[in-house]
Amino acid sequence: MMRTWQVNEARAHMRDLLDAAEDAPQRVTRNGRPYVVISEEEWNRVSRPPRRKGLGSFLAECPITPDLLPPRRPARVLRDPLLPDQE
């Protein structure tokens, strides 16, 4: 749970502040301005941009199986409109 510390209290209890920051972000206020203290592990997690996957990975992880897809319609025969009817 995030706790709010006054800057003087944070200085006096730095060890407690850092221990608490391992579990949850901590708010420290100085002259009414809030600052947040988080662990380096949490910082690395939130500051890293999301990793984009390729199309192949996306399709391989797709939870839809062929039996969940609608039945396929038969293919249509394409004809060249410039040629006479072919039968």
PDB file of N, CA and C in Angstrom:
ATOM      1  N   MET A   1       0.846  -1.181   0.000  1.00  0.00           N
ATOM      2  CA  MET A   1       0.000   0.000   0.000  1.00  0.00           C
ATOM      3  C   MET A   1       0.891   1.245   0.000  1.00  0.00           C
ATOM      4  N   MET A   2       0.544   2.206  -0.831  1.00  0.00           N
ATOM      5  CA  MET A   2       1.350   3.423  -0.913  1.00  0.00           C
ATOM      6  C   MET A   2       1.138   4.275   0.330  1.00  0.00           C
ATOM      7  N   ARG A   3       2.238   4.654   0.910  1.00  0.00           N
ATOM      8  CA  ARG A   3       2.201   5.520   2.087  1.00  0.00           C
ATOM      9  C   ARG A   3       2.792   6.870   1.697  1.00  0.00           C
ATOM     10  N   THR A   4       2.323   7.922   2.321  1.00  0.00           N
ATOM     11  CA  THR A   4       2.868   9.250   2.083  1.00  0.00           C
ATOM     12  C   THR A   4       3.784   9.623   3.236  1.00  0.00           C
ATOM     13  N   TRP A   5       4.998  10.027   2.900  1.00  0.00           N
ATOM     14  CA  TRP A   5       6.012  10.421   3.876  1.00  0.00           C
ATOM     15  C   TRP A   5       6.330  11.901   3.669  1.00  0.00           C
ATOM     16  N   GLN A   6       6.521  12.632   4.748  1.00  0.00           N
ATOM     17  CA  GLN A   6       7.079  13.975   4.651  1.00  0.00           C
ATOM     18  C   GLN A   6       8.574  13.808   4.431  1.00  0.00           C
ATOM     19  N   VAL A   7       9.216  14.749   3.770  1.00  0.00           N
ATOM     20  CA  VAL A   7      10.629  14.589   3.422  1.00  0.00           C
ATOM     21  C   VAL A   7      11.503  14.419   4.674  1.00  0.00           C
ATOM     22  N   ASN A   8      11.193  15.132   5.755  1.00  0.00           N
ATOM     23  CA  ASN A   8      11.993  14.993   6.976  1.00  0.00           C
ATOM     24  C   ASN A   8      11.837  13.598   7.571  1.00  0.00           C
ATOM     25  N   GLU A   9      10.609  13.073   7.529  1.00  0.00           N
ATOM     26  CA  GLU A   9      10.353  11.725   8.024  1.00  0.00           C
ATOM     27  C   GLU A   9      11.076  10.692   7.145  1.00  0.00           C
ATOM     28  N   ALA A  10      11.071  10.917   5.841  1.00  0.00           N
ATOM     29  CA  ALA A  10      11.758   9.997   4.926  1.00  0.00           C
ATOM     30  C   ALA A  10      13.260   9.989   5.183  1.00  0.00           C
ATOM     31  N   ARG A  11      13.837  11.153   5.439  1.00  0.00           N
ATOM     32  CA  ARG A  11      15.272  11.221   5.753  1.00  0.00           C
ATOM     33  C   ARG A  11      15.596  10.473   7.038  1.00  0.00           C
ATOM     34  N   ALA A  12      14.752  10.674   8.040  1.00  0.00           N
ATOM     35  CA  ALA A  12      14.998  10.055   9.342  1.00  0.00           C
ATOM     36  C   ALA A  12      14.786   8.541   9.301  1.00  0.00           C
ATOM     37  N   HIS A  13      13.929   8.076   8.415  1.00  0.00           N
ATOM     38  CA  HIS A  13      13.601   6.652   8.354  1.00  0.00           C
ATOM     39  C   HIS A  13      13.866   6.091   6.957  1.00  0.00           C
ATOM     40  N   MET A  14      15.009   6.432   6.397  1.00  0.00           N
ATOM     41  CA  MET A  14      15.338   6.032   5.027  1.00  0.00           C
ATOM     42  C   MET A  14      15.274   4.518   4.855  1.00  0.00           C
ATOM     43  N   ARG A  15      15.789   3.768   5.800  1.00  0.00           N
ATOM     44  CA  ARG A  15      15.768   2.314   5.699  1.00  0.00           C
ATOM     45  C   ARG A  15      14.326   1.803   5.611  1.00  0.00           C
ATOM     46  N   ASP A  16      13.437   2.343   6.453  1.00  0.00           N
ATOM     47  CA  ASP A  16      12.033   1.924   6.428  1.00  0.00           C
ATOM     48  C   ASP A  16      11.369   2.302   5.099  1.00  0.00           C
ATOM     49  N   LEU A  17      11.706   3.478   4.599  1.00  0.00           N
ATOM     50  CA  LEU A  17      11.164   3.926   3.314  1.00  0.00           C
ATOM     51  C   LEU A  17      11.579   2.972   2.203  1.00  0.00           C
ATOM     52  N   LEU A  18      12.856   2.623   2.165  1.00  0.00           N
ATOM     53  CA  LEU A  18      13.349   1.736   1.109  1.00  0.00           C
ATOM     54  C   LEU A  18      12.786   0.333   1.247  1.00  0.00           C
ATOM     55  N   ASP A  19      12.636  -0.150   2.468  1.00  0.00           N
ATOM     56  CA  ASP A  19      12.019  -1.468   2.682  1.00  0.00           C
ATOM     57  C   ASP A  19      10.577  -1.468   2.184  1.00  0.00           C
ATOM     58  N   ALA A  20       9.855  -0.391   2.475  1.00  0.00           N
ATOM     59  CA  ALA A  20       8.462  -0.296   2.033  1.00  0.00           C
ATOM     60  C   ALA A  20       8.369  -0.169   0.515  1.00  0.00           C
ATOM     61  N   ALA A  21       9.366   0.496  -0.108  1.00  0.00           N
ATOM     62  CA  ALA A  21       9.365   0.673  -1.565  1.00  0.00           C
ATOM     63  C   ALA A  21       9.577  -0.645  -2.293  1.00  0.00           C
ATOM     64  N   GLU A  22      10.134  -1.646  -1.620  1.00  0.00           N
ATOM     65  CA  GLU A  22      10.278  -2.962  -2.251  1.00  0.00           C
ATOM     66  C   GLU A  22       8.916  -3.617  -2.451  1.00  0.00           C
ATOM     67  N   ASP A  23       7.952  -3.306  -1.581  1.00  0.00           N
ATOM     68  CA  ASP A  23       6.622  -3.905  -1.666  1.00  0.00           C
ATOM     69  C   ASP A  23       5.644  -3.082  -2.494  1.00  0.00           C
ATOM     70  N   ALA A  24       5.749  -1.770  -2.401  1.00  0.00           N
ATOM     71  CA  ALA A  24       4.809  -0.892  -3.110  1.00  0.00           C
ATOM     72  C   ALA A  24       5.453   0.488  -3.257  1.00  0.00           C
ATOM     73  N   PRO A  25       5.057   1.258  -4.272  1.00  0.00           N
ATOM     74  CA  PRO A  25       5.576   2.621  -4.411  1.00  0.00           C
ATOM     75  C   PRO A  25       5.269   3.443  -3.165  1.00  0.00           C
ATOM     76  N   GLN A  26       6.174   4.360  -2.846  1.00  0.00           N
ATOM     77  CA  GLN A  26       6.010   5.232  -1.681  1.00  0.00           C
ATOM     78  C   GLN A  26       6.027   6.688  -2.152  1.00  0.00           C
ATOM     79  N   ARG A  27       5.160   7.502  -1.579  1.00  0.00           N
ATOM     80  CA  ARG A  27       5.077   8.919  -1.947  1.00  0.00           C
ATOM     81  C   ARG A  27       5.800   9.739  -0.889  1.00  0.00           C
ATOM     82  N   VAL A  28       6.700  10.606  -1.347  1.00  0.00           N
ATOM     83  CA  VAL A  28       7.412  11.527  -0.458  1.00  0.00           C
ATOM     84  C   VAL A  28       7.040  12.935  -0.905  1.00  0.00           C
ATOM     85  N   THR A  29       6.594  13.760   0.053  1.00  0.00           N
ATOM     86  CA  THR A  29       6.222  15.129  -0.309  1.00  0.00           C
ATOM     87  C   THR A  29       7.241  16.113   0.251  1.00  0.00           C
ATOM     88  N   ARG A  30       7.545  17.099  -0.573  1.00  0.00           N
ATOM     89  CA  ARG A  30       8.445  18.183  -0.162  1.00  0.00           C
ATOM     90  C   ARG A  30       7.808  19.480  -0.621  1.00  0.00           C
ATOM     91  N   ASN A  31       7.483  20.319   0.346  1.00  0.00           N
ATOM     92  CA  ASN A  31       6.806  21.595   0.061  1.00  0.00           C
ATOM     93  C   ASN A  31       5.524  21.372  -0.735  1.00  0.00           C
ATOM     94  N   GLY A  32       4.827  20.275  -0.424  1.00  0.00           N
ATOM     95  CA  GLY A  32       3.559  19.985  -1.080  1.00  0.00           C
ATOM     96  C   GLY A  32       3.672  19.290  -2.427  1.00  0.00           C
ATOM     97  N   ARG A  33       4.882  19.167  -2.948  1.00  0.00           N
ATOM     98  CA  ARG A  33       5.067  18.494  -4.245  1.00  0.00           C
ATOM     99  C   ARG A  33       5.321  17.013  -4.008  1.00  0.00           C
ATOM    100  N   PRO A  34       4.563  16.140  -4.657  1.00  0.00           N
ATOM    101  CA  PRO A  34       4.747  14.705  -4.443  1.00  0.00           C
ATOM    102  C   PRO A  34       5.839  14.118  -5.337  1.00  0.00           C
ATOM    103  N   TYR A  35       6.573  13.183  -4.783  1.00  0.00           N
ATOM    104  CA  TYR A  35       7.580  12.402  -5.502  1.00  0.00           C
ATOM    105  C   TYR A  35       7.305  10.941  -5.171  1.00  0.00           C
ATOM    106  N   VAL A  36       7.650  10.041  -6.062  1.00  0.00           N
ATOM    107  CA  VAL A  36       7.389   8.628  -5.832  1.00  0.00           C
ATOM    108  C   VAL A  36       8.705   7.876  -5.790  1.00  0.00           C
ATOM    109  N   VAL A  37       8.836   7.002  -4.796  1.00  0.00           N
ATOM    110  CA  VAL A  37      10.022   6.155  -4.654  1.00  0.00           C
ATOM    111  C   VAL A  37       9.578   4.732  -4.972  1.00  0.00           C
ATOM    112  N   ILE A  38      10.264   4.108  -5.947  1.00  0.00           N
ATOM    113  CA  ILE A  38       9.982   2.713  -6.298  1.00  0.00           C
ATOM    114  C   ILE A  38      11.294   1.951  -6.346  1.00  0.00           C
ATOM    115  N   SER A  39      11.203   0.635  -6.288  1.00  0.00           N
ATOM    116  CA  SER A  39      12.409  -0.182  -6.363  1.00  0.00           C
ATOM    117  C   SER A  39      12.950  -0.166  -7.794  1.00  0.00           C
ATOM    118  N   GLU A  40      14.227  -0.482  -7.941  1.00  0.00           N
ATOM    119  CA  GLU A  40      14.823  -0.507  -9.277  1.00  0.00           C
ATOM    120  C   GLU A  40      14.163  -1.580 -10.142  1.00  0.00           C
ATOM    121  N   GLU A  41      13.800  -2.691  -9.523  1.00  0.00           N
ATOM    122  CA  GLU A  41      13.123  -3.761 -10.266  1.00  0.00           C
ATOM    123  C   GLU A  41      11.801  -3.259 -10.859  1.00  0.00           C
ATOM    124  N   GLU A  42      11.042  -2.529 -10.061  1.00  0.00           N
ATOM    125  CA  GLU A  42       9.776  -1.972 -10.537  1.00  0.00           C
ATOM    126  C   GLU A  42      10.033  -0.920 -11.615  1.00  0.00           C
ATOM    127  N   TRP A  43      11.055  -0.102 -11.440  1.00  0.00           N
ATOM    128  CA  TRP A  43      11.403   0.922 -12.435  1.00  0.00           C
ATOM    129  C   TRP A  43      11.731   0.269 -13.768  1.00  0.00           C
ATOM    130  N   ASN A  44      12.538  -0.796 -13.736  1.00  0.00           N
ATOM    131  CA  ASN A  44      12.894  -1.487 -14.976  1.00  0.00           C
ATOM    132  C   ASN A  44      11.660  -2.078 -15.646  1.00  0.00           C
ATOM    133  N   ARG A  45      10.730  -2.560 -14.854  1.00  0.00           N
ATOM    134  CA  ARG A  45       9.514  -3.159 -15.410  1.00  0.00           C
ATOM    135  C   ARG A  45       8.635  -2.106 -16.089  1.00  0.00           C
ATOM    136  N   VAL A  46       8.429  -0.962 -15.443  1.00  0.00           N
ATOM    137  CA  VAL A  46       7.505   0.033 -15.992  1.00  0.00           C
ATOM    138  C   VAL A  46       8.146   0.946 -17.030  1.00  0.00           C
ATOM    139  N   SER A  47       9.461   1.084 -17.038  1.00  0.00           N
ATOM    140  CA  SER A  47      10.094   2.009 -17.976  1.00  0.00           C
ATOM    141  C   SER A  47      10.465   1.351 -19.298  1.00  0.00           C
ATOM    142  N   ARG A  48      10.453   0.045 -19.356  1.00  0.00           N
ATOM    143  CA  ARG A  48      10.796  -0.665 -20.590  1.00  0.00           C
ATOM    144  C   ARG A  48       9.596  -0.619 -21.533  1.00  0.00           C
ATOM    145  N   PRO A  49       9.838  -0.232 -22.792  1.00  0.00           N
ATOM    146  CA  PRO A  49       8.707  -0.213 -23.721  1.00  0.00           C
ATOM    147  C   PRO A  49       8.220  -1.639 -23.972  1.00  0.00           C
ATOM    148  N   PRO A  50       6.937  -1.800 -24.244  1.00  0.00           N
ATOM    149  CA  PRO A  50       6.433  -3.146 -24.488  1.00  0.00           C
ATOM    150  C   PRO A  50       7.101  -3.764 -25.710  1.00  0.00           C
ATOM    151  N   ARG A  51       7.414  -5.029 -25.602  1.00  0.00           N
ATOM    152  CA  ARG A  51       8.095  -5.716 -26.697  1.00  0.00           C
ATOM    153  C   ARG A  51       7.064  -6.122 -27.743  1.00  0.00           C
ATOM    154  N   ARG A  52       7.345  -5.775 -28.979  1.00  0.00           N
ATOM    155  CA  ARG A  52       6.437  -6.108 -30.068  1.00  0.00           C
ATOM    156  C   ARG A  52       6.821  -7.456 -30.637  1.00  0.00           C
ATOM    157  N   LYS A  53       5.833  -8.257 -30.891  1.00  0.00           N
ATOM    158  CA  LYS A  53       6.062  -9.571 -31.462  1.00  0.00           C
ATOM    159  C   LYS A  53       5.820  -9.527 -32.963  1.00  0.00           C
ATOM    160  N   GLY A  54       6.432 -10.447 -33.654  1.00  0.00           N
ATOM    161  CA  GLY A  54       6.215 -10.552 -35.086  1.00  0.00           C
ATOM    162  C   GLY A  54       4.898 -11.256 -35.381  1.00  0.00           C
ATOM    163  N   LEU A  55       4.485 -11.212 -36.633  1.00  0.00           N
ATOM    164  CA  LEU A  55       3.231 -11.823 -37.037  1.00  0.00           C
ATOM    165  C   LEU A  55       3.262 -13.333 -36.809  1.00  0.00           C
ATOM    166  N   GLY A  56       4.395 -13.971 -37.093  1.00  0.00           N
ATOM    167  CA  GLY A  56       4.500 -15.413 -36.904  1.00  0.00           C
ATOM    168  C   GLY A  56       4.273 -15.811 -35.455  1.00  0.00           C
ATOM    169  N   SER A  57       4.881 -15.079 -34.512  1.00  0.00           N
ATOM    170  CA  SER A  57       4.692 -15.362 -33.087  1.00  0.00           C
ATOM    171  C   SER A  57       3.242 -15.138 -32.677  1.00  0.00           C
ATOM    172  N   PHE A  58       2.657 -14.069 -33.201  1.00  0.00           N
ATOM    173  CA  PHE A  58       1.271 -13.769 -32.877  1.00  0.00           C
ATOM    174  C   PHE A  58       0.348 -14.897 -33.336  1.00  0.00           C
ATOM    175  N   LEU A  59       0.545 -15.358 -34.570  1.00  0.00           N
ATOM    176  CA  LEU A  59      -0.310 -16.422 -35.095  1.00  0.00           C
ATOM    177  C   LEU A  59      -0.068 -17.744 -34.377  1.00  0.00           C
ATOM    178  N   ALA A  60       1.191 -18.018 -34.012  1.00  0.00           N
ATOM    179  CA  ALA A  60       1.501 -19.269 -33.321  1.00  0.00           C
ATOM    180  C   ALA A  60       0.856 -19.311 -31.947  1.00  0.00           C
ATOM    181  N   GLU A  61       0.698 -18.168 -31.302  1.00  0.00           N
ATOM    182  CA  GLU A  61       0.107 -18.103 -29.967  1.00  0.00           C
ATOM    183  C   GLU A  61      -1.402 -17.898 -29.996  1.00  0.00           C
ATOM    184  N   CYS A  62      -1.976 -17.824 -31.181  1.00  0.00           N
ATOM    185  CA  CYS A  62      -3.410 -17.574 -31.319  1.00  0.00           C
ATOM    186  C   CYS A  62      -4.205 -18.718 -30.693  1.00  0.00           C
ATOM    187  N   PRO A  63      -5.156 -18.412 -29.815  1.00  0.00           N
ATOM    188  CA  PRO A  63      -5.916 -19.473 -29.155  1.00  0.00           C
ATOM    189  C   PRO A  63      -7.015 -20.080 -30.025  1.00  0.00           C
ATOM    190  N   ILE A  64      -7.244 -19.544 -31.226  1.00  0.00           N
ATOM    191  CA  ILE A  64      -8.305 -20.053 -32.088  1.00  0.00           C
ATOM    192  C   ILE A  64      -7.795 -21.282 -32.838  1.00  0.00           C
ATOM    193  N   THR A  65      -8.522 -22.366 -32.722  1.00  0.00           N
ATOM    194  CA  THR A  65      -8.171 -23.602 -33.433  1.00  0.00           C
ATOM    195  C   THR A  65      -9.063 -23.725 -34.663  1.00  0.00           C
ATOM    196  N   PRO A  66      -8.647 -24.502 -35.658  1.00  0.00           N
ATOM    197  CA  PRO A  66      -9.442 -24.614 -36.889  1.00  0.00           C
ATOM    198  C   PRO A  66     -10.883 -25.058 -36.650  1.00  0.00           C
ATOM    199  N   ASP A  67     -11.131 -25.872 -35.634  1.00  0.00           N
ATOM    200  CA  ASP A  67     -12.510 -26.316 -35.396  1.00  0.00           C
ATOM    201  C   ASP A  67     -13.402 -25.183 -34.881  1.00  0.00           C
ATOM    202  N   LEU A  68     -12.816 -24.077 -34.443  1.00  0.00           N
ATOM    203  CA  LEU A  68     -13.612 -22.930 -33.986  1.00  0.00           C
ATOM    204  C   LEU A  68     -13.960 -21.972 -35.127  1.00  0.00           C
ATOM    205  N   LEU A  69     -13.337 -22.158 -36.274  1.00  0.00           N
ATOM    206  CA  LEU A  69     -13.580 -21.275 -37.416  1.00  0.00           C
ATOM    207  C   LEU A  69     -14.840 -21.712 -38.158  1.00  0.00           C
ATOM    208  N   PRO A  70     -15.519 -20.795 -38.843  1.00  0.00           N
ATOM    209  CA  PRO A  70     -16.689 -21.190 -39.629  1.00  0.00           C
ATOM    210  C   PRO A  70     -16.242 -22.047 -40.811  1.00  0.00           C
ATOM    211  N   PRO A  71     -17.145 -22.877 -41.356  1.00  0.00           N
ATOM    212  CA  PRO A  71     -16.761 -23.722 -42.485  1.00  0.00           C
ATOM    213  C   PRO A  71     -16.409 -22.861 -43.697  1.00  0.00           C
ATOM    214  N   ARG A  72     -15.468 -23.353 -44.448  1.00  0.00           N
ATOM    215  CA  ARG A  72     -15.041 -22.621 -45.641  1.00  0.00           C
ATOM    216  C   ARG A  72     -16.028 -22.830 -46.774  1.00  0.00           C
ATOM    217  N   ARG A  73     -16.234 -21.805 -47.547  1.00  0.00           N
ATOM    218  CA  ARG A  73     -17.088 -21.916 -48.737  1.00  0.00           C
ATOM    219  C   ARG A  73     -16.243 -22.440 -49.887  1.00  0.00           C
ATOM    220  N   PRO A  74     -16.853 -23.126 -50.829  1.00  0.00           N
ATOM    221  CA  PRO A  74     -16.074 -23.600 -51.972  1.00  0.00           C
ATOM    222  C   PRO A  74     -15.540 -22.412 -52.772  1.00  0.00           C
ATOM    223  N   ALA A  75     -14.389 -22.608 -53.363  1.00  0.00           N
ATOM    224  CA  ALA A  75     -13.766 -21.544 -54.142  1.00  0.00           C
ATOM    225  C   ALA A  75     -14.572 -21.269 -55.396  1.00  0.00           C
ATOM    226  N   ARG A  76     -14.634 -20.031 -55.801  1.00  0.00           N
ATOM    227  CA  ARG A  76     -15.332 -19.664 -57.031  1.00  0.00           C
ATOM    228  C   ARG A  76     -14.363 -19.770 -58.190  1.00  0.00           C
ATOM    229  N   VAL A  77     -14.890 -20.142 -59.342  1.00  0.00           N
ATOM    230  CA  VAL A  77     -14.078 -20.203 -60.552  1.00  0.00           C
ATOM    231  C   VAL A  77     -14.066 -18.818 -61.160  1.00  0.00           C
ATOM    232  N   LEU A  78     -12.888 -18.312 -61.355  1.00  0.00           N
ATOM    233  CA  LEU A  78     -12.762 -16.984 -61.965  1.00  0.00           C
ATOM    234  C   LEU A  78     -12.665 -17.154 -63.477  1.00  0.00           C
ATOM    235  N   ARG A  79     -13.289 -16.267 -64.182  1.00  0.00           N
ATOM    236  CA  ARG A  79     -13.207 -16.352 -65.639  1.00  0.00           C
ATOM    237  C   ARG A  79     -12.770 -15.001 -66.167  1.00  0.00           C
ATOM    238  N   ASP A  80     -12.176 -15.042 -67.316  1.00  0.00           N
ATOM    239  CA  ASP A  80     -11.707 -13.834 -67.977  1.00  0.00           C
ATOM    240  C   ASP A  80     -12.879 -13.246 -68.747  1.00  0.00           C
ATOM    241  N   PRO A  81     -13.315 -12.018 -68.427  1.00  0.00           N
ATOM    242  CA  PRO A  81     -14.483 -11.448 -69.101  1.00  0.00           C
ATOM    243  C   PRO A  81     -14.241 -11.164 -70.573  1.00  0.00           C
ATOM    244  N   LEU A  82     -13.010 -11.147 -71.041  1.00  0.00           N
ATOM    245  CA  LEU A  82     -12.727 -10.860 -72.444  1.00  0.00           C
ATOM    246  C   LEU A  82     -12.796 -12.119 -73.313  1.00  0.00           C
ATOM    247  N   LEU A  83     -12.777 -13.289 -72.699  1.00  0.00           N
ATOM    248  CA  LEU A  83     -12.836 -14.533 -73.460  1.00  0.00           C
ATOM    249  C   LEU A  83     -14.288 -14.997 -73.558  1.00  0.00           C
ATOM    250  N   PRO A  84     -14.620 -15.725 -74.622  1.00  0.00           N
ATOM    251  CA  PRO A  84     -15.986 -16.254 -74.696  1.00  0.00           C
ATOM    252  C   PRO A  84     -16.219 -17.269 -73.591  1.00  0.00           C
ATOM    253  N   ASP A  85     -17.470 -17.518 -73.304  1.00  0.00           N
ATOM    254  CA  ASP A  85     -17.824 -18.466 -72.241  1.00  0.00           C
ATOM    255  C   ASP A  85     -17.096 -19.780 -72.423  1.00  0.00           C
ATOM    256  N   GLN A  86     -16.528 -20.239 -71.339  1.00  0.00           N
ATOM    257  CA  GLN A  86     -15.791 -21.495 -71.372  1.00  0.00           C
ATOM    258  C   GLN A  86     -16.585 -22.514 -70.576  1.00  0.00           C
ATOM    259  N   GLU A  87     -16.905 -23.606 -71.192  1.00  0.00           N
ATOM    260  CA  GLU A  87     -17.641 -24.641 -70.484  1.00  0.00           C
ATOM    261  C   GLU A  87     -17.028 -25.973 -70.713  1.00  0.00           C
TER     262      GLU A  87
END
